[in-house]
């Protein structure tokens, strides 16, 4: 122990200091003076935060959550990995006021419904994802809802305000809109290119916010 009762080899964060979201949550010394409102444990589950991840101080990340490198979580979003796990891939961005949750395990469904999000995914403002699977290079439009056990394949656009019902599969390469969401047309080359553009834009924006 160092003088003052703090263990050696760990990083101490005190109230009023910036929280180093880019470091491993497990390396932080948690005591009464720790100020980390955005990232919290649930029981023995701690969020795992890869390098260069930005989490806005007004967002909340709880429990069994894994955030991939260069991902970002924006203002007012909630990612709650309590009764199941959540995985968010590299360079994915969870925009303002998005809600991400899971379904618990039961005798009928021992695995429950975790939430799995791939790489280079954009989750728009106020979207809700619950116990579903989102592939790589997907745009979830603002205000959209994707429910339990739905599967969104790679390279899909979900239009703003759409509802993807439980257990529905959205095939790769299409724009889906409506409630329930249906395929409207194939994606254009420009729309396919936009997946990586959006991901790169938010990586750069997050890097700006991480500046001291």
N, C-alpha and C. Protein backbone atom coordinates (compact mmCIF):
# COMPACT_ATOMS: atom_id res chain seq x y z
N UNK A 1 0.84 -1.20 0.00
CA UNK A 1 0.00 0.00 0.00
C UNK A 1 0.88 1.25 0.00
N UNK A 2 0.52 2.24 -0.79
CA UNK A 2 1.20 3.52 -0.73
C UNK A 2 0.73 4.28 0.49
N UNK A 3 1.47 5.34 0.82
CA UNK A 3 1.03 6.21 1.89
C UNK A 3 -0.33 6.78 1.53
N UNK A 4 -1.23 6.75 2.49
CA UNK A 4 -2.59 7.19 2.23
C UNK A 4 -3.53 6.03 1.98
N UNK A 5 -3.01 4.80 2.06
CA UNK A 5 -3.90 3.64 1.98
C UNK A 5 -4.25 3.20 0.58
N UNK A 6 -3.54 3.67 -0.44
CA UNK A 6 -3.87 3.31 -1.82
C UNK A 6 -2.94 2.20 -2.29
N UNK A 7 -3.44 1.17 -2.96
CA UNK A 7 -2.58 0.08 -3.42
C UNK A 7 -1.62 0.55 -4.49
N UNK A 8 -0.46 -0.10 -4.57
CA UNK A 8 0.53 0.25 -5.57
C UNK A 8 0.13 -0.29 -6.94
N UNK A 9 0.60 0.40 -7.98
CA UNK A 9 0.43 -0.11 -9.33
C UNK A 9 -0.96 0.07 -9.91
N UNK A 10 -1.77 0.94 -9.32
CA UNK A 10 -3.09 1.19 -9.86
C UNK A 10 -3.26 2.68 -10.04
N UNK A 11 -4.27 3.05 -10.82
CA UNK A 11 -4.54 4.45 -11.08
C UNK A 11 -5.70 4.91 -10.22
N UNK A 12 -5.49 5.98 -9.49
CA UNK A 12 -6.52 6.50 -8.60
C UNK A 12 -7.19 7.69 -9.27
N UNK A 13 -8.49 7.70 -9.27
CA UNK A 13 -9.26 8.80 -9.85
C UNK A 13 -10.07 9.44 -8.75
N UNK A 14 -9.92 10.74 -8.57
CA UNK A 14 -10.62 11.43 -7.50
C UNK A 14 -11.64 12.40 -8.10
N UNK A 15 -12.57 12.78 -7.25
CA UNK A 15 -13.63 13.67 -7.71
C UNK A 15 -13.03 14.94 -8.29
N UNK A 16 -13.57 15.32 -9.44
CA UNK A 16 -13.10 16.51 -10.11
C UNK A 16 -12.03 16.25 -11.15
N UNK A 17 -11.43 15.06 -11.13
CA UNK A 17 -10.43 14.72 -12.13
C UNK A 17 -11.10 14.03 -13.32
N UNK A 18 -10.52 14.15 -14.52
CA UNK A 18 -11.10 13.43 -15.66
C UNK A 18 -10.97 11.93 -15.47
N UNK A 19 -11.99 11.20 -15.87
CA UNK A 19 -11.98 9.75 -15.76
C UNK A 19 -11.30 9.15 -16.99
N UNK A 20 -10.29 8.30 -16.82
CA UNK A 20 -9.56 7.74 -17.97
C UNK A 20 -10.32 6.58 -18.59
N UNK A 21 -11.30 6.90 -19.42
CA UNK A 21 -12.13 5.85 -19.98
C UNK A 21 -11.36 4.91 -20.90
N UNK A 22 -10.19 5.34 -21.34
CA UNK A 22 -9.42 4.51 -22.25
C UNK A 22 -8.68 3.38 -21.54
N UNK A 23 -8.67 3.37 -20.21
CA UNK A 23 -7.94 2.33 -19.51
C UNK A 23 -8.89 1.24 -19.03
N UNK A 24 -8.31 0.11 -18.65
CA UNK A 24 -9.09 -1.04 -18.19
C UNK A 24 -9.77 -0.69 -16.88
N UNK A 25 -11.08 -0.89 -16.82
CA UNK A 25 -11.84 -0.59 -15.61
C UNK A 25 -11.24 -1.30 -14.40
N UNK A 26 -10.73 -2.52 -14.60
CA UNK A 26 -10.22 -3.30 -13.48
C UNK A 26 -8.94 -2.71 -12.89
N UNK A 27 -8.28 -1.81 -13.61
CA UNK A 27 -7.05 -1.21 -13.10
C UNK A 27 -7.32 -0.01 -12.21
N UNK A 28 -8.56 0.41 -12.13
CA UNK A 28 -8.89 1.58 -11.33
C UNK A 28 -9.09 1.20 -9.88
N UNK A 29 -8.59 2.03 -8.98
CA UNK A 29 -8.77 1.81 -7.56
C UNK A 29 -10.09 2.46 -7.14
N UNK A 30 -11.01 1.66 -6.66
CA UNK A 30 -12.34 2.14 -6.32
C UNK A 30 -12.40 2.39 -4.82
N UNK A 31 -12.56 3.62 -4.42
CA UNK A 31 -12.78 3.93 -3.02
C UNK A 31 -13.82 5.03 -2.93
N UNK A 32 -14.02 5.56 -1.75
CA UNK A 32 -15.08 6.53 -1.55
C UNK A 32 -14.86 7.79 -2.35
N UNK A 33 -13.62 8.05 -2.75
CA UNK A 33 -13.32 9.28 -3.46
C UNK A 33 -13.37 9.10 -4.98
N UNK A 34 -13.59 7.86 -5.43
CA UNK A 34 -13.62 7.62 -6.87
C UNK A 34 -14.82 8.32 -7.49
N UNK A 35 -14.59 9.02 -8.60
CA UNK A 35 -15.68 9.71 -9.29
C UNK A 35 -15.80 9.11 -10.68
N UNK A 36 -16.70 8.15 -10.85
CA UNK A 36 -16.90 7.50 -12.14
C UNK A 36 -18.39 7.26 -12.31
N UNK A 37 -19.17 8.30 -12.55
CA UNK A 37 -20.62 8.13 -12.62
C UNK A 37 -21.07 7.35 -13.84
N UNK A 38 -20.27 7.33 -14.89
CA UNK A 38 -20.73 6.75 -16.14
C UNK A 38 -20.54 5.24 -16.22
N UNK A 39 -19.56 4.72 -15.55
CA UNK A 39 -19.20 3.31 -15.67
C UNK A 39 -19.31 2.66 -14.30
N UNK A 40 -20.21 1.67 -14.20
CA UNK A 40 -20.49 1.10 -12.89
C UNK A 40 -20.55 -0.42 -12.96
N UNK A 41 -20.16 -1.10 -11.87
CA UNK A 41 -20.29 -2.55 -11.83
C UNK A 41 -21.73 -2.96 -11.53
N UNK A 42 -22.04 -4.21 -11.87
CA UNK A 42 -23.27 -4.86 -11.41
C UNK A 42 -22.85 -6.20 -10.81
N UNK A 43 -23.12 -6.39 -9.52
CA UNK A 43 -22.62 -7.56 -8.80
C UNK A 43 -21.12 -7.67 -9.05
N UNK A 44 -20.63 -8.80 -9.56
CA UNK A 44 -19.20 -8.95 -9.81
C UNK A 44 -18.82 -8.63 -11.25
N UNK A 45 -19.76 -8.13 -12.04
CA UNK A 45 -19.48 -7.82 -13.44
C UNK A 45 -19.00 -6.38 -13.58
N UNK A 46 -17.88 -6.22 -14.27
CA UNK A 46 -17.32 -4.90 -14.52
C UNK A 46 -17.25 -4.66 -16.02
N UNK A 47 -17.63 -3.48 -16.50
CA UNK A 47 -17.45 -3.19 -17.92
C UNK A 47 -15.99 -3.30 -18.33
N UNK A 48 -15.76 -3.87 -19.50
CA UNK A 48 -14.42 -3.96 -20.07
C UNK A 48 -14.32 -2.94 -21.18
N UNK A 49 -13.39 -2.01 -21.03
CA UNK A 49 -13.30 -0.87 -21.94
C UNK A 49 -11.95 -0.93 -22.65
N UNK A 50 -11.99 -1.10 -23.96
CA UNK A 50 -10.76 -1.19 -24.75
C UNK A 50 -10.11 0.19 -24.88
N UNK A 51 -8.88 0.24 -25.43
CA UNK A 51 -8.22 1.53 -25.61
C UNK A 51 -9.00 2.46 -26.54
N UNK A 52 -8.83 3.75 -26.28
CA UNK A 52 -9.37 4.82 -27.13
C UNK A 52 -10.89 4.80 -27.22
N UNK A 53 -11.55 4.39 -26.16
CA UNK A 53 -13.01 4.44 -26.09
C UNK A 53 -13.42 5.73 -25.40
N UNK A 54 -14.39 6.42 -25.98
CA UNK A 54 -14.95 7.61 -25.33
C UNK A 54 -16.33 7.30 -24.79
N UNK A 55 -16.54 7.60 -23.51
CA UNK A 55 -17.86 7.50 -22.89
C UNK A 55 -18.19 8.87 -22.32
N UNK A 56 -19.25 9.47 -22.82
CA UNK A 56 -19.63 10.79 -22.33
C UNK A 56 -19.98 10.70 -20.84
N UNK A 57 -19.63 11.71 -20.05
CA UNK A 57 -19.95 11.67 -18.62
C UNK A 57 -21.43 11.55 -18.31
N UNK A 58 -22.29 11.94 -19.24
CA UNK A 58 -23.73 11.83 -18.99
C UNK A 58 -24.31 10.48 -19.41
N UNK A 59 -23.50 9.63 -20.04
CA UNK A 59 -23.94 8.29 -20.41
C UNK A 59 -23.75 7.34 -19.23
N UNK A 60 -24.33 6.14 -19.33
CA UNK A 60 -24.22 5.14 -18.26
C UNK A 60 -23.92 3.78 -18.87
N UNK A 61 -22.87 3.14 -18.38
CA UNK A 61 -22.49 1.80 -18.82
C UNK A 61 -22.39 0.93 -17.57
N UNK A 62 -23.19 -0.14 -17.52
CA UNK A 62 -23.31 -0.93 -16.30
C UNK A 62 -23.05 -2.41 -16.58
N UNK A 63 -22.23 -3.03 -15.75
CA UNK A 63 -22.17 -4.48 -15.67
C UNK A 63 -21.38 -5.16 -16.76
N UNK A 64 -21.94 -6.25 -17.28
CA UNK A 64 -21.25 -7.16 -18.19
C UNK A 64 -21.28 -6.61 -19.62
N UNK A 65 -20.48 -5.59 -19.84
CA UNK A 65 -20.44 -4.88 -21.12
C UNK A 65 -19.00 -4.86 -21.61
N UNK A 66 -18.82 -5.12 -22.88
CA UNK A 66 -17.49 -5.04 -23.50
C UNK A 66 -17.56 -4.04 -24.65
N UNK A 67 -16.73 -3.00 -24.56
CA UNK A 67 -16.68 -1.96 -25.58
C UNK A 67 -15.38 -2.10 -26.36
N UNK A 68 -15.50 -2.29 -27.69
CA UNK A 68 -14.34 -2.49 -28.53
C UNK A 68 -13.54 -1.22 -28.77
N UNK A 69 -12.33 -1.39 -29.25
CA UNK A 69 -11.41 -0.28 -29.46
C UNK A 69 -12.00 0.77 -30.40
N UNK A 70 -11.80 2.04 -30.03
CA UNK A 70 -12.24 3.20 -30.81
C UNK A 70 -13.76 3.34 -30.88
N UNK A 71 -14.49 2.66 -30.03
CA UNK A 71 -15.94 2.86 -29.98
C UNK A 71 -16.25 4.09 -29.13
N UNK A 72 -17.51 4.53 -29.18
CA UNK A 72 -17.89 5.72 -28.42
C UNK A 72 -19.35 5.62 -27.99
N UNK A 73 -19.61 6.21 -26.82
CA UNK A 73 -20.95 6.21 -26.23
C UNK A 73 -21.28 7.65 -25.88
N UNK A 74 -22.36 8.16 -26.44
CA UNK A 74 -22.60 9.60 -26.41
C UNK A 74 -23.67 9.99 -25.40
N UNK A 75 -23.96 11.28 -25.38
CA UNK A 75 -24.68 11.93 -24.28
C UNK A 75 -26.00 11.24 -23.93
N UNK A 76 -26.16 10.89 -22.67
CA UNK A 76 -27.42 10.38 -22.16
C UNK A 76 -27.74 8.95 -22.51
N UNK A 77 -26.86 8.25 -23.20
CA UNK A 77 -27.13 6.85 -23.55
C UNK A 77 -27.01 5.95 -22.33
N UNK A 78 -27.72 4.82 -22.35
CA UNK A 78 -27.65 3.83 -21.28
C UNK A 78 -27.35 2.47 -21.90
N UNK A 79 -26.32 1.82 -21.40
CA UNK A 79 -25.95 0.47 -21.82
C UNK A 79 -25.94 -0.38 -20.55
N UNK A 80 -26.95 -1.21 -20.38
CA UNK A 80 -27.15 -1.92 -19.10
C UNK A 80 -26.98 -3.42 -19.30
N UNK A 81 -25.82 -3.92 -18.93
CA UNK A 81 -25.52 -5.34 -19.03
C UNK A 81 -25.64 -6.02 -17.68
N UNK A 82 -26.86 -6.14 -17.19
CA UNK A 82 -27.05 -6.74 -15.87
C UNK A 82 -27.47 -8.20 -15.96
N UNK A 83 -28.61 -8.50 -16.57
CA UNK A 83 -29.12 -9.87 -16.60
C UNK A 83 -28.59 -10.68 -17.79
N UNK A 84 -27.75 -10.08 -18.60
CA UNK A 84 -27.09 -10.77 -19.71
C UNK A 84 -25.95 -9.87 -20.19
N UNK A 85 -25.19 -10.33 -21.17
CA UNK A 85 -24.02 -9.57 -21.58
C UNK A 85 -24.27 -8.75 -22.84
N UNK A 86 -23.48 -7.70 -22.99
CA UNK A 86 -23.53 -6.81 -24.15
C UNK A 86 -22.12 -6.71 -24.72
N UNK A 87 -22.01 -6.89 -26.03
CA UNK A 87 -20.73 -6.74 -26.72
C UNK A 87 -20.90 -5.70 -27.83
N UNK A 88 -20.04 -4.70 -27.83
CA UNK A 88 -20.04 -3.67 -28.86
C UNK A 88 -18.67 -3.69 -29.53
N UNK A 89 -18.65 -3.81 -30.84
CA UNK A 89 -17.41 -4.01 -31.57
C UNK A 89 -16.59 -2.75 -31.75
N UNK A 90 -15.56 -2.86 -32.56
CA UNK A 90 -14.61 -1.77 -32.80
C UNK A 90 -15.23 -0.69 -33.69
N UNK A 91 -14.89 0.55 -33.34
CA UNK A 91 -15.27 1.73 -34.13
C UNK A 91 -16.78 1.91 -34.24
N UNK A 92 -17.53 1.34 -33.35
CA UNK A 92 -18.99 1.53 -33.35
C UNK A 92 -19.35 2.70 -32.45
N UNK A 93 -20.38 3.42 -32.81
CA UNK A 93 -20.79 4.58 -32.02
C UNK A 93 -22.24 4.46 -31.60
N UNK A 94 -22.48 4.73 -30.33
CA UNK A 94 -23.81 4.69 -29.72
C UNK A 94 -24.19 6.13 -29.44
N UNK A 95 -25.09 6.67 -30.22
CA UNK A 95 -25.34 8.11 -30.17
C UNK A 95 -26.32 8.49 -29.06
N UNK A 96 -26.54 9.77 -28.94
CA UNK A 96 -27.24 10.37 -27.80
C UNK A 96 -28.58 9.72 -27.51
N UNK A 97 -28.80 9.41 -26.22
CA UNK A 97 -30.07 8.92 -25.68
C UNK A 97 -30.46 7.53 -26.17
N UNK A 98 -29.52 6.80 -26.78
CA UNK A 98 -29.81 5.42 -27.15
C UNK A 98 -29.94 4.56 -25.90
N UNK A 99 -30.79 3.53 -25.97
CA UNK A 99 -31.02 2.61 -24.85
C UNK A 99 -30.68 1.19 -25.29
N UNK A 100 -29.74 0.56 -24.60
CA UNK A 100 -29.30 -0.80 -24.92
C UNK A 100 -29.48 -1.69 -23.71
N UNK A 101 -30.23 -2.78 -23.88
CA UNK A 101 -30.47 -3.69 -22.76
C UNK A 101 -30.59 -5.12 -23.29
N UNK A 102 -30.85 -6.06 -22.39
CA UNK A 102 -30.81 -7.49 -22.67
C UNK A 102 -31.99 -8.17 -21.98
N UNK A 103 -32.18 -9.47 -22.28
CA UNK A 103 -33.20 -10.26 -21.59
C UNK A 103 -32.54 -11.36 -20.78
N UNK A 104 -33.14 -11.66 -19.63
CA UNK A 104 -32.55 -12.61 -18.69
C UNK A 104 -32.73 -14.06 -19.16
N UNK A 105 -31.97 -14.94 -18.54
CA UNK A 105 -32.01 -16.36 -18.85
C UNK A 105 -33.18 -17.03 -18.12
N UNK A 106 -33.83 -17.99 -18.80
CA UNK A 106 -34.95 -18.71 -18.22
C UNK A 106 -34.77 -20.20 -18.48
N UNK A 107 -35.63 -21.02 -17.86
CA UNK A 107 -35.59 -22.45 -18.13
C UNK A 107 -35.90 -22.74 -19.59
N UNK A 108 -36.84 -21.98 -20.15
CA UNK A 108 -37.21 -22.18 -21.55
C UNK A 108 -36.12 -21.68 -22.50
N UNK A 109 -35.36 -20.69 -22.05
CA UNK A 109 -34.31 -20.12 -22.90
C UNK A 109 -33.08 -19.88 -22.04
N UNK A 110 -32.27 -20.92 -21.83
CA UNK A 110 -31.17 -20.81 -20.88
C UNK A 110 -30.15 -19.72 -21.20
N UNK A 111 -30.01 -19.38 -22.49
CA UNK A 111 -29.03 -18.35 -22.85
C UNK A 111 -29.60 -16.94 -22.77
N UNK A 112 -30.92 -16.81 -22.59
CA UNK A 112 -31.53 -15.48 -22.60
C UNK A 112 -31.34 -14.80 -23.94
N UNK A 113 -31.30 -13.48 -23.91
CA UNK A 113 -31.08 -12.70 -25.14
C UNK A 113 -30.02 -11.64 -24.88
N UNK A 114 -28.75 -11.96 -25.15
CA UNK A 114 -27.71 -10.94 -25.05
C UNK A 114 -27.83 -9.93 -26.19
N UNK A 115 -27.05 -8.88 -26.11
CA UNK A 115 -27.02 -7.87 -27.16
C UNK A 115 -25.63 -7.86 -27.77
N UNK A 116 -25.55 -8.14 -29.07
CA UNK A 116 -24.28 -8.24 -29.77
C UNK A 116 -24.27 -7.24 -30.93
N UNK A 117 -23.30 -6.37 -30.94
CA UNK A 117 -23.16 -5.34 -31.97
C UNK A 117 -21.78 -5.47 -32.59
N UNK A 118 -21.72 -5.49 -33.92
CA UNK A 118 -20.47 -5.71 -34.62
C UNK A 118 -19.60 -4.46 -34.73
N UNK A 119 -18.70 -4.47 -35.71
CA UNK A 119 -17.77 -3.38 -35.96
C UNK A 119 -18.38 -2.35 -36.91
N UNK A 120 -17.95 -1.09 -36.75
CA UNK A 120 -18.32 -0.01 -37.67
C UNK A 120 -19.84 0.17 -37.75
N UNK A 121 -20.48 0.09 -36.61
CA UNK A 121 -21.94 0.25 -36.52
C UNK A 121 -22.26 1.64 -35.99
N UNK A 122 -23.25 2.28 -36.59
CA UNK A 122 -23.77 3.55 -36.09
C UNK A 122 -25.17 3.33 -35.55
N UNK A 123 -25.34 3.60 -34.26
CA UNK A 123 -26.65 3.52 -33.61
C UNK A 123 -27.12 4.95 -33.38
N UNK A 124 -28.16 5.36 -34.11
CA UNK A 124 -28.59 6.74 -34.12
C UNK A 124 -29.23 7.20 -32.82
N UNK A 125 -29.43 8.50 -32.74
CA UNK A 125 -30.01 9.12 -31.55
C UNK A 125 -31.35 8.46 -31.19
N UNK A 126 -31.51 8.20 -29.91
CA UNK A 126 -32.79 7.72 -29.36
C UNK A 126 -33.20 6.34 -29.87
N UNK A 127 -32.27 5.59 -30.45
CA UNK A 127 -32.59 4.21 -30.85
C UNK A 127 -32.65 3.32 -29.62
N UNK A 128 -33.38 2.21 -29.74
CA UNK A 128 -33.47 1.23 -28.66
C UNK A 128 -33.14 -0.16 -29.21
N UNK A 129 -32.13 -0.80 -28.63
CA UNK A 129 -31.73 -2.15 -29.02
C UNK A 129 -31.91 -3.04 -27.80
N UNK A 130 -32.65 -4.14 -27.96
CA UNK A 130 -32.94 -5.00 -26.81
C UNK A 130 -32.71 -6.47 -27.19
N UNK A 131 -31.64 -7.05 -26.64
CA UNK A 131 -31.41 -8.47 -26.80
C UNK A 131 -31.34 -8.96 -28.23
N UNK A 132 -30.75 -8.19 -29.11
CA UNK A 132 -30.71 -8.52 -30.54
C UNK A 132 -29.26 -8.67 -31.00
N UNK A 133 -29.09 -9.01 -32.27
CA UNK A 133 -27.76 -9.14 -32.86
C UNK A 133 -27.66 -8.21 -34.06
N UNK A 134 -26.66 -7.34 -34.04
CA UNK A 134 -26.42 -6.38 -35.11
C UNK A 134 -25.08 -6.72 -35.74
N UNK A 135 -25.05 -6.89 -37.06
CA UNK A 135 -23.82 -7.27 -37.75
C UNK A 135 -22.84 -6.12 -37.89
N UNK A 136 -21.91 -6.25 -38.81
CA UNK A 136 -20.92 -5.22 -39.10
C UNK A 136 -21.46 -4.23 -40.14
N UNK A 137 -21.01 -2.98 -40.01
CA UNK A 137 -21.36 -1.94 -40.99
C UNK A 137 -22.88 -1.84 -41.14
N UNK A 138 -23.50 -1.44 -40.05
CA UNK A 138 -24.95 -1.27 -40.00
C UNK A 138 -25.25 0.14 -39.52
N UNK A 139 -26.29 0.74 -40.07
CA UNK A 139 -26.82 2.02 -39.58
C UNK A 139 -28.20 1.77 -39.00
N UNK A 140 -28.34 2.01 -37.70
CA UNK A 140 -29.64 1.94 -37.03
C UNK A 140 -30.14 3.37 -36.91
N UNK A 141 -31.18 3.70 -37.66
CA UNK A 141 -31.64 5.07 -37.75
C UNK A 141 -32.20 5.62 -36.45
N UNK A 142 -32.27 6.93 -36.37
CA UNK A 142 -32.74 7.60 -35.17
C UNK A 142 -34.14 7.13 -34.78
N UNK A 143 -34.31 6.84 -33.49
CA UNK A 143 -35.61 6.45 -32.97
C UNK A 143 -36.06 5.05 -33.35
N UNK A 144 -35.21 4.26 -33.96
CA UNK A 144 -35.58 2.90 -34.34
C UNK A 144 -35.55 1.98 -33.12
N UNK A 145 -36.31 0.88 -33.20
CA UNK A 145 -36.37 -0.12 -32.14
C UNK A 145 -36.09 -1.48 -32.76
N UNK A 146 -35.15 -2.21 -32.16
CA UNK A 146 -34.83 -3.58 -32.59
C UNK A 146 -34.99 -4.48 -31.37
N UNK A 147 -35.89 -5.46 -31.46
CA UNK A 147 -36.30 -6.23 -30.28
C UNK A 147 -35.63 -7.61 -30.21
N UNK A 148 -35.96 -8.34 -29.17
CA UNK A 148 -35.28 -9.57 -28.78
C UNK A 148 -35.14 -10.58 -29.93
N UNK A 149 -33.92 -11.09 -30.06
CA UNK A 149 -33.59 -12.18 -30.98
C UNK A 149 -33.73 -11.81 -32.45
N UNK A 150 -33.97 -10.53 -32.74
CA UNK A 150 -33.86 -10.08 -34.12
C UNK A 150 -32.39 -10.14 -34.54
N UNK A 151 -32.16 -10.41 -35.82
CA UNK A 151 -30.81 -10.47 -36.36
C UNK A 151 -30.72 -9.52 -37.54
N UNK A 152 -29.79 -8.59 -37.46
CA UNK A 152 -29.54 -7.65 -38.55
C UNK A 152 -28.20 -8.04 -39.16
N UNK A 153 -28.22 -8.49 -40.40
CA UNK A 153 -27.00 -8.93 -41.06
C UNK A 153 -26.09 -7.75 -41.41
N UNK A 154 -24.90 -8.03 -41.92
CA UNK A 154 -23.95 -6.99 -42.30
C UNK A 154 -24.54 -6.08 -43.38
N UNK A 155 -24.14 -4.82 -43.33
CA UNK A 155 -24.47 -3.82 -44.35
C UNK A 155 -25.98 -3.70 -44.56
N UNK A 156 -26.61 -3.20 -43.52
CA UNK A 156 -28.05 -2.93 -43.53
C UNK A 156 -28.27 -1.52 -43.02
N UNK A 157 -29.22 -0.82 -43.62
CA UNK A 157 -29.69 0.47 -43.10
C UNK A 157 -31.11 0.29 -42.59
N UNK A 158 -31.34 0.67 -41.34
CA UNK A 158 -32.68 0.68 -40.75
C UNK A 158 -33.12 2.13 -40.68
N UNK A 159 -34.16 2.48 -41.42
CA UNK A 159 -34.62 3.86 -41.49
C UNK A 159 -35.11 4.38 -40.15
N UNK A 160 -35.04 5.68 -39.98
CA UNK A 160 -35.44 6.32 -38.73
C UNK A 160 -36.87 5.94 -38.36
N UNK A 161 -37.07 5.65 -37.07
CA UNK A 161 -38.40 5.37 -36.56
C UNK A 161 -38.94 4.00 -36.89
N UNK A 162 -38.12 3.10 -37.39
CA UNK A 162 -38.58 1.76 -37.76
C UNK A 162 -38.65 0.84 -36.55
N UNK A 163 -39.46 -0.21 -36.66
CA UNK A 163 -39.58 -1.23 -35.62
C UNK A 163 -39.21 -2.59 -36.22
N UNK A 164 -38.19 -3.21 -35.65
CA UNK A 164 -37.81 -4.57 -36.04
C UNK A 164 -38.33 -5.51 -34.96
N UNK A 165 -39.34 -6.33 -35.27
CA UNK A 165 -39.97 -7.15 -34.23
C UNK A 165 -39.09 -8.31 -33.78
N UNK A 166 -39.46 -8.97 -32.69
CA UNK A 166 -38.66 -10.10 -32.20
C UNK A 166 -38.48 -11.18 -33.27
N UNK A 167 -37.26 -11.73 -33.30
CA UNK A 167 -36.90 -12.89 -34.13
C UNK A 167 -36.90 -12.61 -35.64
N UNK A 168 -37.06 -11.37 -36.04
CA UNK A 168 -37.01 -11.05 -37.47
C UNK A 168 -35.55 -10.95 -37.92
N UNK A 169 -35.27 -11.41 -39.12
CA UNK A 169 -33.93 -11.31 -39.71
C UNK A 169 -33.96 -10.31 -40.86
N UNK A 170 -33.06 -9.33 -40.81
CA UNK A 170 -32.91 -8.36 -41.89
C UNK A 170 -31.72 -8.78 -42.75
N UNK A 171 -31.98 -9.06 -44.00
CA UNK A 171 -30.95 -9.55 -44.92
C UNK A 171 -29.98 -8.45 -45.33
N UNK A 172 -28.75 -8.85 -45.58
CA UNK A 172 -27.69 -7.92 -45.94
C UNK A 172 -28.00 -7.20 -47.25
N UNK A 173 -27.61 -5.91 -47.30
CA UNK A 173 -27.64 -5.17 -48.55
C UNK A 173 -28.90 -4.40 -48.83
N UNK A 174 -29.78 -4.24 -47.83
CA UNK A 174 -31.06 -3.58 -48.07
C UNK A 174 -31.31 -2.43 -47.08
N UNK A 175 -32.13 -1.49 -47.53
CA UNK A 175 -32.71 -0.47 -46.67
C UNK A 175 -34.05 -0.99 -46.17
N UNK A 176 -34.22 -0.96 -44.84
CA UNK A 176 -35.48 -1.39 -44.23
C UNK A 176 -36.15 -0.19 -43.58
N UNK A 177 -37.48 -0.11 -43.73
CA UNK A 177 -38.23 0.98 -43.12
C UNK A 177 -39.59 0.47 -42.68
N UNK A 178 -40.19 1.19 -41.73
CA UNK A 178 -41.57 0.92 -41.36
C UNK A 178 -41.72 0.18 -40.05
N UNK A 179 -42.99 -0.05 -39.69
CA UNK A 179 -43.34 -0.76 -38.46
C UNK A 179 -44.44 -1.77 -38.76
N UNK A 180 -44.10 -3.05 -38.94
CA UNK A 180 -42.75 -3.62 -38.83
C UNK A 180 -41.88 -3.26 -40.03
N UNK A 181 -40.57 -3.31 -39.81
CA UNK A 181 -39.63 -2.93 -40.87
C UNK A 181 -39.67 -3.94 -42.01
N UNK A 182 -39.70 -3.42 -43.23
CA UNK A 182 -39.67 -4.27 -44.43
C UNK A 182 -38.60 -3.72 -45.37
N UNK A 183 -38.08 -4.59 -46.23
CA UNK A 183 -37.08 -4.17 -47.20
C UNK A 183 -37.72 -3.25 -48.24
N UNK A 184 -37.12 -2.09 -48.42
CA UNK A 184 -37.64 -1.11 -49.37
C UNK A 184 -36.90 -1.19 -50.70
N UNK A 185 -35.59 -1.32 -50.63
CA UNK A 185 -34.78 -1.40 -51.86
C UNK A 185 -33.38 -1.83 -51.48
N UNK A 186 -32.58 -2.15 -52.50
CA UNK A 186 -31.17 -2.45 -52.28
C UNK A 186 -30.40 -1.17 -51.97
N UNK A 187 -29.31 -1.31 -51.24
CA UNK A 187 -28.48 -0.16 -50.92
C UNK A 187 -27.68 0.28 -52.15
N UNK A 188 -27.46 1.57 -52.25
CA UNK A 188 -26.60 2.10 -53.30
C UNK A 188 -25.13 1.97 -52.89
N UNK A 189 -24.24 2.14 -53.85
CA UNK A 189 -22.81 2.12 -53.53
C UNK A 189 -22.45 3.23 -52.54
N UNK A 190 -23.08 4.39 -52.71
CA UNK A 190 -22.82 5.50 -51.79
C UNK A 190 -23.25 5.16 -50.37
N UNK A 191 -24.38 4.51 -50.23
CA UNK A 191 -24.85 4.12 -48.90
C UNK A 191 -23.93 3.09 -48.26
N UNK A 192 -23.42 2.16 -49.06
CA UNK A 192 -22.47 1.18 -48.53
C UNK A 192 -21.18 1.87 -48.08
N UNK A 193 -20.73 2.84 -48.84
CA UNK A 193 -19.51 3.56 -48.46
C UNK A 193 -19.71 4.37 -47.18
N UNK A 194 -20.95 4.79 -46.94
CA UNK A 194 -21.23 5.65 -45.79
C UNK A 194 -21.03 4.92 -44.46
N UNK A 195 -21.14 3.60 -44.44
CA UNK A 195 -20.94 2.87 -43.18
C UNK A 195 -19.57 3.19 -42.59
N UNK A 196 -18.53 3.05 -43.41
CA UNK A 196 -17.17 3.29 -42.92
C UNK A 196 -16.90 4.77 -42.72
N UNK A 197 -17.53 5.61 -43.53
CA UNK A 197 -17.38 7.05 -43.33
C UNK A 197 -17.93 7.46 -41.96
N UNK A 198 -19.13 6.99 -41.64
CA UNK A 198 -19.75 7.35 -40.36
C UNK A 198 -18.92 6.84 -39.19
N UNK A 199 -18.42 5.61 -39.31
CA UNK A 199 -17.60 5.05 -38.23
C UNK A 199 -16.33 5.88 -38.04
N UNK A 200 -15.66 6.22 -39.14
CA UNK A 200 -14.42 7.00 -39.05
C UNK A 200 -14.69 8.40 -38.50
N UNK A 201 -15.80 8.99 -38.89
CA UNK A 201 -16.15 10.32 -38.40
C UNK A 201 -16.29 10.31 -36.88
N UNK A 202 -16.95 9.30 -36.34
CA UNK A 202 -17.15 9.26 -34.89
C UNK A 202 -15.89 8.85 -34.15
N UNK A 203 -15.00 8.09 -34.78
CA UNK A 203 -13.70 7.82 -34.16
C UNK A 203 -12.94 9.13 -34.00
N UNK A 204 -12.95 9.95 -35.04
CA UNK A 204 -12.26 11.25 -34.98
C UNK A 204 -12.92 12.16 -33.96
N UNK A 205 -14.24 12.21 -33.94
CA UNK A 205 -14.94 13.07 -32.99
C UNK A 205 -14.64 12.63 -31.56
N UNK A 206 -14.66 11.32 -31.32
CA UNK A 206 -14.36 10.82 -29.98
C UNK A 206 -12.94 11.19 -29.56
N UNK A 207 -11.99 11.10 -30.51
CA UNK A 207 -10.61 11.48 -30.20
C UNK A 207 -10.52 12.94 -29.78
N UNK A 208 -11.31 13.79 -30.42
CA UNK A 208 -11.34 15.20 -30.02
C UNK A 208 -11.82 15.35 -28.58
N UNK A 209 -12.87 14.60 -28.23
CA UNK A 209 -13.42 14.69 -26.87
C UNK A 209 -12.46 14.11 -25.83
N UNK A 210 -11.61 13.18 -26.23
CA UNK A 210 -10.66 12.58 -25.30
C UNK A 210 -9.43 13.45 -25.06
N UNK A 211 -9.30 14.54 -25.82
CA UNK A 211 -8.16 15.42 -25.62
C UNK A 211 -8.20 16.02 -24.22
N UNK A 212 -7.04 16.13 -23.55
CA UNK A 212 -7.01 16.71 -22.20
C UNK A 212 -7.32 18.20 -22.23
